[in-house]
Amino acid sequence: MKRLLVSTSLFKLMVLVALVMLLSSCGSTDLDEISPALTFDGVSINNSPSAVTTTPTRTLSGTVEPGATVEVTQGTSTTQATVTGDLWTAEVTLQPGVNLLTVSAADARGNQGLFSLALTYDAVSIESYTTPIATTSLDVSGLVDPDPAVSSSLALEVTLPDKSTLTPVPAAVVDDTWTATISGLQEGDNALRASVSVPGVTDPVEVLLTLKVNLTDSIASVAFDQGLSSVVLPAQILKGSADADAAVKLSPLPIETLPITAVAGVWSATVENLSVGKNPFTASVTDPTSNKTTVTRSLLRVEQTPPLLENISPAKDATGVAATDNIVVVFNEAMTAASVEGNLTLSDGTSVPATVTYDESTLTATLDPIADLAPSTTYTVTLDTGVTDARTPPNNLPQALTWSFTTVP
């Protein structure tokens, strides 16, 4: 009986050893189960990047793990990207409106990495307007595909409250922007229709907007100083005018937006982290008699070849900057420290002595003036084209970037 127990124990021990060896053998197998790293235009894929274009073709680019293949799926069609080293590019053709695309990468072992993005082809849009208004005339503007085959077909039609129409409304087109002055509006709701014909698309592409005219009641006043405009820097100052007794609200309100200030009918706000593409903002006021007026403008952040700036501080045209503040620039990808430290400068008309450091962990460059800044002085920050990312081969800034701010009195 004792021998049986010993044999049973020995058998259990042998099974245990075999199991450990099997598990050890499995653990020692070098299985690559990591998804290949994949980025889009240097923007972190976690940010779900979106962009707006006024042309139907778009070249996508980014980085990928060397040796991986990249595909772009749009609806039922798939485009094979060209991969060179750790860089990939692919050209897609967009349909008017929002296009949902999925970019996927696969390595030799079949591991996949992917992300989705939305690209908008604005064949025509209405970007700049005010409603309600206390007059029968209004300036409006928007975007249009600059291809003559599209822009030449731009038609603006207004249906008045009495169901009659103002047509055609002449519009001026410069590059991808159109502007028009609409006269002859009537009291009540006036429907503006902007449309174009796009080659290969059966029905006209159109957008609609209701413009309310109120000729009897008091209308609160609010306006943007900026028209529809393109910008490069991710932080901007929005400002304008309003009735002195009206409270201004700005929407949408990103978390990074600083408080709106309003003094003697002049309002301003700092917005940060503008997305590449179209960023629409609406300023609204409600006067003491509860009349509400809104005015809409869009800032078009121009897309660049990487690297890009995620944020800057102080913002472009900022005022009241403390004399002890540092200049901070946040990039969207890893940079070559020496290039940043040698090409980030500050000037008040002359060179301002400062130290520049680059933090690889936060992708942040900090310019620290040796002495406090002078009061009531306008300073200019410059990022020269010598700034490069850490890729191989490196990418330079496509153009020098400059912006100014003013210190407190």
Foldseek 3Di string as FASTA:
>chain_A
DVVVVVVVVVVVVVVVVVVVVVVVVVVVDDDDQDAKDWDKLLFRLVVQAEAEDQAFKDKIKTFIAAQKWKWKDWPPDIWTWDDDGGMTITMDGHDAAKTKMKMWIAHPNGHIDIHIHIYHHCQWDWFWWKAAEQAQKTKTKIFHNQPCQWVVQKAKKKQAPVRDIDPGFDWDDDHGMIMGMDGDHDAAWIKIKIWTDDPPDDDIDIDIDIYHYDNDDDAWDWDWPDAAEEDAAQKDKTKTFTQLQKDKDKPPDDPQKDDWDADNGIIMIMDGQHGAHKDKMKIWIQHPVRHMMIIMHIYHHHRFRDWGWRGWPPGFAAEAAAQQDKIKTAISAAWDFVLQQVFKFKDQPHGFAWGWGADRVRNMIITGGPDGHDAFTKMKIKGQQSTWHPDVVTHTGPGIDMGIYHHHD
